[in-house]
N, C-alpha and C. Protein backbone atom coordinates (compact mmCIF):
# COMPACT_ATOMS: atom_id res chain seq x y z
N MET A 1 120.37 107.15 120.02
CA MET A 1 120.91 106.09 120.61
C MET A 1 121.66 105.08 119.69
N SER A 2 122.66 105.09 119.83
CA SER A 2 123.51 103.86 119.11
C SER A 2 122.77 102.30 119.42
N ALA A 3 123.75 101.88 118.48
CA ALA A 3 122.92 100.02 117.93
C ALA A 3 123.43 99.63 119.53
N GLU A 4 124.85 99.41 120.09
CA GLU A 4 124.94 99.15 121.47
C GLU A 4 124.18 99.42 122.29
N GLU A 5 123.87 101.13 122.48
CA GLU A 5 122.83 100.96 123.37
C GLU A 5 121.60 100.58 123.38
N ASN A 6 121.61 100.00 122.10
CA ASN A 6 120.03 99.77 122.16
C ASN A 6 119.85 98.37 122.11
N LYS A 7 120.84 97.51 121.95
CA LYS A 7 121.20 96.23 122.27
C LYS A 7 121.01 96.06 123.92
N ASN A 8 121.53 96.64 124.97
CA ASN A 8 121.44 96.74 126.34
C ASN A 8 119.92 97.06 126.80
N ASN A 9 119.24 97.81 125.61
CA ASN A 9 117.94 98.25 126.38
C ASN A 9 116.66 97.82 125.73
N LYS A 10 116.28 96.74 126.08
CA LYS A 10 115.45 95.56 125.21
C LYS A 10 114.31 95.95 125.35
N SER A 11 113.62 97.00 126.24
CA SER A 11 112.32 97.65 126.43
C SER A 11 111.71 97.84 124.95
N GLU A 12 113.34 99.01 124.33
CA GLU A 12 112.95 99.43 123.06
C GLU A 12 113.17 98.83 121.31
N PRO A 13 112.49 98.01 120.99
CA PRO A 13 113.51 97.32 119.61
C PRO A 13 113.84 98.31 118.88
N ILE A 14 114.56 98.36 118.01
CA ILE A 14 114.64 99.07 117.17
C ILE A 14 113.50 98.42 115.86
N ARG A 15 113.22 99.42 115.31
CA ARG A 15 111.71 99.81 114.46
C ARG A 15 112.34 99.61 113.05
N ARG A 16 111.67 98.49 112.20
CA ARG A 16 111.73 98.54 110.79
C ARG A 16 110.47 98.73 109.79
N ALA A 17 111.17 99.06 108.73
CA ALA A 17 109.75 99.11 107.46
C ALA A 17 110.21 98.66 106.66
N VAL A 18 109.50 98.11 105.39
CA VAL A 18 109.75 97.70 103.66
C VAL A 18 108.70 98.59 103.47
N ALA A 19 108.87 98.69 102.00
CA ALA A 19 107.54 99.72 101.31
C ALA A 19 107.65 99.00 100.06
N LEU A 20 106.34 98.31 99.58
CA LEU A 20 106.40 97.45 98.51
C LEU A 20 105.57 98.31 97.40
N LYS A 21 105.86 97.78 96.05
CA LYS A 21 105.29 98.63 95.12
C LYS A 21 104.45 97.56 94.10
N TYR A 22 103.29 97.55 93.62
CA TYR A 22 102.70 96.74 92.98
C TYR A 22 101.85 97.25 92.01
N GLU A 23 102.24 97.16 90.67
CA GLU A 23 101.53 97.54 89.64
C GLU A 23 101.25 96.31 88.66
N PRO A 24 99.65 95.81 88.65
CA PRO A 24 99.28 94.61 88.12
C PRO A 24 99.59 95.18 86.38
N GLY A 25 99.68 94.33 85.65
CA GLY A 25 99.99 94.28 84.16
C GLY A 25 101.59 95.09 83.98
N VAL A 26 102.59 95.60 84.93
CA VAL A 26 103.96 96.08 84.29
C VAL A 26 105.02 94.64 85.30
N GLY A 27 104.90 94.20 86.24
CA GLY A 27 105.72 93.71 86.97
C GLY A 27 104.61 91.96 87.38
N THR A 28 105.69 91.02 87.37
CA THR A 28 105.29 89.80 87.78
C THR A 28 104.87 89.92 89.11
N ALA A 29 105.89 90.45 89.91
CA ALA A 29 105.46 90.38 91.52
C ALA A 29 105.63 91.85 92.00
N PRO A 30 105.33 91.91 93.45
CA PRO A 30 105.66 93.41 93.85
C PRO A 30 107.42 93.42 94.12
N VAL A 31 107.62 95.30 94.31
CA VAL A 31 108.99 94.76 94.04
C VAL A 31 109.06 95.75 95.71
N VAL A 32 110.06 95.99 96.27
CA VAL A 32 110.59 96.12 97.51
C VAL A 32 111.25 98.39 96.74
N VAL A 33 110.61 98.60 97.58
CA VAL A 33 110.69 100.56 96.99
C VAL A 33 111.69 101.79 97.90
N ALA A 34 111.63 100.72 99.23
CA ALA A 34 111.92 101.34 100.34
C ALA A 34 112.33 100.50 101.43
N LYS A 35 113.28 100.70 102.33
CA LYS A 35 113.65 99.97 103.54
C LYS A 35 114.17 100.59 104.79
N GLY A 36 114.02 100.48 105.70
CA GLY A 36 115.04 101.28 106.36
C GLY A 36 114.92 100.66 107.81
N LYS A 37 115.13 100.95 108.69
CA LYS A 37 115.41 100.60 110.34
C LYS A 37 115.66 101.89 111.27
N GLY A 38 115.02 101.68 112.33
CA GLY A 38 115.32 102.92 113.33
C GLY A 38 114.46 104.28 113.10
N TYR A 39 115.30 105.62 112.84
CA TYR A 39 114.63 106.88 112.35
C TYR A 39 114.70 106.52 110.98
N LEU A 40 115.09 106.25 110.40
CA LEU A 40 114.53 105.72 108.63
C LEU A 40 113.47 105.02 108.39
N ALA A 41 113.10 104.29 109.41
CA ALA A 41 111.72 103.34 109.25
C ALA A 41 110.44 104.28 109.52
N GLU A 42 110.72 105.15 110.81
CA GLU A 42 109.82 106.32 111.51
C GLU A 42 109.80 107.31 110.60
N GLN A 43 110.39 107.70 109.56
CA GLN A 43 110.01 108.01 108.67
C GLN A 43 109.22 107.44 107.32
N LEU A 44 109.60 106.96 107.01
CA LEU A 44 108.62 106.01 106.40
C LEU A 44 107.43 106.00 106.59
N ILE A 45 107.38 105.76 107.82
CA ILE A 45 106.22 105.18 107.86
C ILE A 45 104.97 106.43 108.17
N GLU A 46 105.90 108.04 108.72
CA GLU A 46 105.33 108.87 108.73
C GLU A 46 104.62 109.17 107.73
N LYS A 47 105.78 109.18 106.51
CA LYS A 47 105.09 109.39 105.19
C LYS A 47 104.40 108.35 104.79
N ALA A 48 103.89 107.44 104.64
CA ALA A 48 102.83 106.57 104.29
C ALA A 48 101.75 106.86 104.99
N LYS A 49 101.80 107.27 106.18
CA LYS A 49 100.58 108.38 106.69
C LYS A 49 100.44 109.50 106.46
N GLU A 50 101.12 110.37 106.28
CA GLU A 50 100.80 111.55 105.74
C GLU A 50 100.10 111.38 104.31
N ASN A 51 100.53 110.11 103.44
CA ASN A 51 99.93 110.23 101.90
C ASN A 51 98.83 108.94 101.82
N GLY A 52 98.29 108.80 102.96
CA GLY A 52 97.21 108.11 103.28
C GLY A 52 97.39 106.51 102.52
N ILE A 53 98.82 106.03 102.57
CA ILE A 53 99.26 104.62 102.12
C ILE A 53 99.07 103.73 103.05
N PRO A 54 98.08 102.72 103.06
CA PRO A 54 97.72 102.31 103.66
C PRO A 54 98.87 101.16 104.70
N MET A 55 99.04 100.85 105.77
CA MET A 55 99.88 100.09 106.26
C MET A 55 99.81 98.88 107.10
N GLN A 56 100.47 97.77 107.28
CA GLN A 56 100.18 96.56 107.65
C GLN A 56 101.41 96.22 108.66
N GLU A 57 101.10 95.76 109.75
CA GLU A 57 102.72 95.17 111.15
C GLU A 57 102.36 93.87 110.47
N ASP A 58 103.55 93.65 109.91
CA ASP A 58 103.64 92.42 110.15
C ASP A 58 105.18 91.64 110.45
N ALA A 59 105.92 91.86 111.91
CA ALA A 59 107.65 92.07 112.06
C ALA A 59 108.19 90.61 111.23
N SER A 60 107.51 89.62 111.24
CA SER A 60 108.29 88.11 110.58
C SER A 60 108.35 88.46 109.37
N LEU A 61 107.60 89.42 108.30
CA LEU A 61 107.52 89.74 107.12
C LEU A 61 108.68 90.69 107.27
N VAL A 62 108.50 91.35 107.41
CA VAL A 62 109.24 93.05 107.41
C VAL A 62 110.48 92.12 107.23
N GLU A 63 110.90 91.39 108.63
CA GLU A 63 112.44 90.79 108.54
C GLU A 63 112.98 90.57 106.95
N VAL A 64 111.89 89.19 107.17
CA VAL A 64 112.60 88.89 105.38
C VAL A 64 112.28 89.55 104.37
N LEU A 65 111.01 90.64 104.07
CA LEU A 65 111.67 91.94 103.23
C LEU A 65 112.70 92.57 102.83
N SER A 66 113.51 92.48 104.64
CA SER A 66 114.17 93.73 105.27
C SER A 66 115.88 93.05 103.98
N LYS A 67 115.73 91.95 103.89
CA LYS A 67 116.82 91.22 103.32
C LYS A 67 116.80 91.55 101.99
N LEU A 68 116.20 91.93 101.56
CA LEU A 68 115.94 91.95 99.91
C LEU A 68 116.50 93.85 99.63
N ASP A 69 117.17 93.51 98.64
CA ASP A 69 117.53 94.76 97.95
C ASP A 69 116.45 95.99 97.88
N ILE A 70 117.07 97.57 97.26
CA ILE A 70 116.11 97.66 96.57
C ILE A 70 115.63 97.64 95.23
N ASP A 71 114.34 97.65 94.56
CA ASP A 71 114.19 97.29 93.47
C ASP A 71 114.65 96.17 93.21
N GLN A 72 114.52 95.12 94.23
CA GLN A 72 114.40 93.72 94.00
C GLN A 72 112.92 93.29 93.87
N THR A 73 112.13 92.36 93.00
CA THR A 73 111.31 91.90 93.22
C THR A 73 110.87 90.60 94.45
N ILE A 74 109.73 90.40 94.65
CA ILE A 74 109.76 89.64 96.26
C ILE A 74 110.18 88.17 95.31
N PRO A 75 110.72 87.31 96.07
CA PRO A 75 110.92 86.04 95.53
C PRO A 75 109.35 85.02 95.70
N PRO A 76 108.89 83.99 94.88
CA PRO A 76 107.83 83.62 94.87
C PRO A 76 107.10 82.71 96.12
N GLU A 77 108.42 82.62 97.06
CA GLU A 77 107.95 81.68 98.21
C GLU A 77 107.28 83.06 99.16
N LEU A 78 107.50 84.33 99.12
CA LEU A 78 106.37 85.42 99.71
C LEU A 78 105.53 85.79 98.82
N TYR A 79 104.81 85.07 97.93
CA TYR A 79 103.82 85.61 96.74
C TYR A 79 102.83 85.57 98.18
N THR A 80 102.19 84.48 98.44
CA THR A 80 101.63 84.17 99.55
C THR A 80 100.87 85.25 100.30
N LEU A 81 101.99 85.64 101.38
CA LEU A 81 102.07 86.41 102.48
C LEU A 81 102.01 88.12 101.73
N VAL A 82 102.64 88.28 101.06
CA VAL A 82 102.31 89.46 100.56
C VAL A 82 100.80 90.30 99.52
N ALA A 83 100.41 88.32 99.37
CA ALA A 83 99.13 89.18 98.58
C ALA A 83 98.25 89.22 99.67
N GLU A 84 98.26 88.24 100.54
CA GLU A 84 97.17 88.66 101.50
C GLU A 84 96.91 90.20 102.16
N ILE A 85 98.39 91.09 102.04
CA ILE A 85 98.77 92.18 102.45
C ILE A 85 98.24 93.05 101.32
N LEU A 86 98.61 92.85 100.29
CA LEU A 86 97.85 93.35 99.17
C LEU A 86 96.20 93.57 99.54
N SER A 87 95.57 92.02 99.69
CA SER A 87 94.29 92.30 100.06
C SER A 87 93.89 93.30 100.82
N PHE A 88 94.27 93.28 101.70
CA PHE A 88 94.02 94.31 102.69
C PHE A 88 94.14 95.23 102.42
N VAL A 89 95.52 95.55 101.79
CA VAL A 89 95.21 97.08 101.22
C VAL A 89 94.17 97.49 99.95
N TYR A 90 93.64 96.66 99.31
CA TYR A 90 92.68 96.79 98.25
C TYR A 90 91.32 97.29 98.72
N ARG A 91 91.02 96.06 99.74
CA ARG A 91 90.15 96.15 100.64
C ARG A 91 89.81 97.59 101.15
N SER A 92 91.24 98.23 101.80
CA SER A 92 91.13 99.01 102.44
C SER A 92 90.97 100.13 101.63
N ASP A 93 91.66 100.61 100.51
CA ASP A 93 91.02 101.07 99.55
C ASP A 93 89.77 101.36 99.24
N ARG A 94 89.16 100.48 99.19
CA ARG A 94 87.68 100.46 98.27
C ARG A 94 86.93 100.94 99.83
N LYS A 95 87.06 100.57 101.00
CA LYS A 95 86.25 101.26 102.10
C LYS A 95 86.52 102.66 102.37
N ALA A 96 87.97 103.14 102.17
CA ALA A 96 87.65 104.45 102.45
C ALA A 96 86.80 105.03 100.66
N ARG A 97 87.07 104.58 99.41
CA ARG A 97 86.44 105.02 98.40
C ARG A 97 84.71 105.31 99.03
N ASP A 98 83.81 104.03 99.54
CA ASP A 98 83.13 103.83 99.55
C ASP A 98 82.44 105.38 100.85
N LEU A 99 83.69 105.38 101.40
CA LEU A 99 83.18 106.25 102.84
C LEU A 99 83.39 107.73 102.15
N ASN A 100 84.01 108.10 101.32
CA ASN A 100 84.38 109.10 100.37
C ASN A 100 83.05 109.61 99.29
N ASP A 101 82.37 108.86 99.22
CA ASP A 101 80.80 108.77 97.58
C ASP A 101 79.87 108.78 98.64
């Protein structure tokens, strides 16, 4: 489906995805490592599922993060929002480990 066709078909919004990487002690903040829309977003989401990478959907945050470049550190004004997501991810990882022990 072309972008023009999608504009006329409001029932199917274009899906977007942004992947962040954060290594405590390595950088000062999370970095955008992948992003995409449409088919590429679907592929990013599928790969994350296949690899057990926790995901959280937040359309407004993805909209802002998708404007950043790959390898760009998130700006300070997004620290709080992204910290909430990282907290969710860490809790999910901990719960998964506890279930597997």
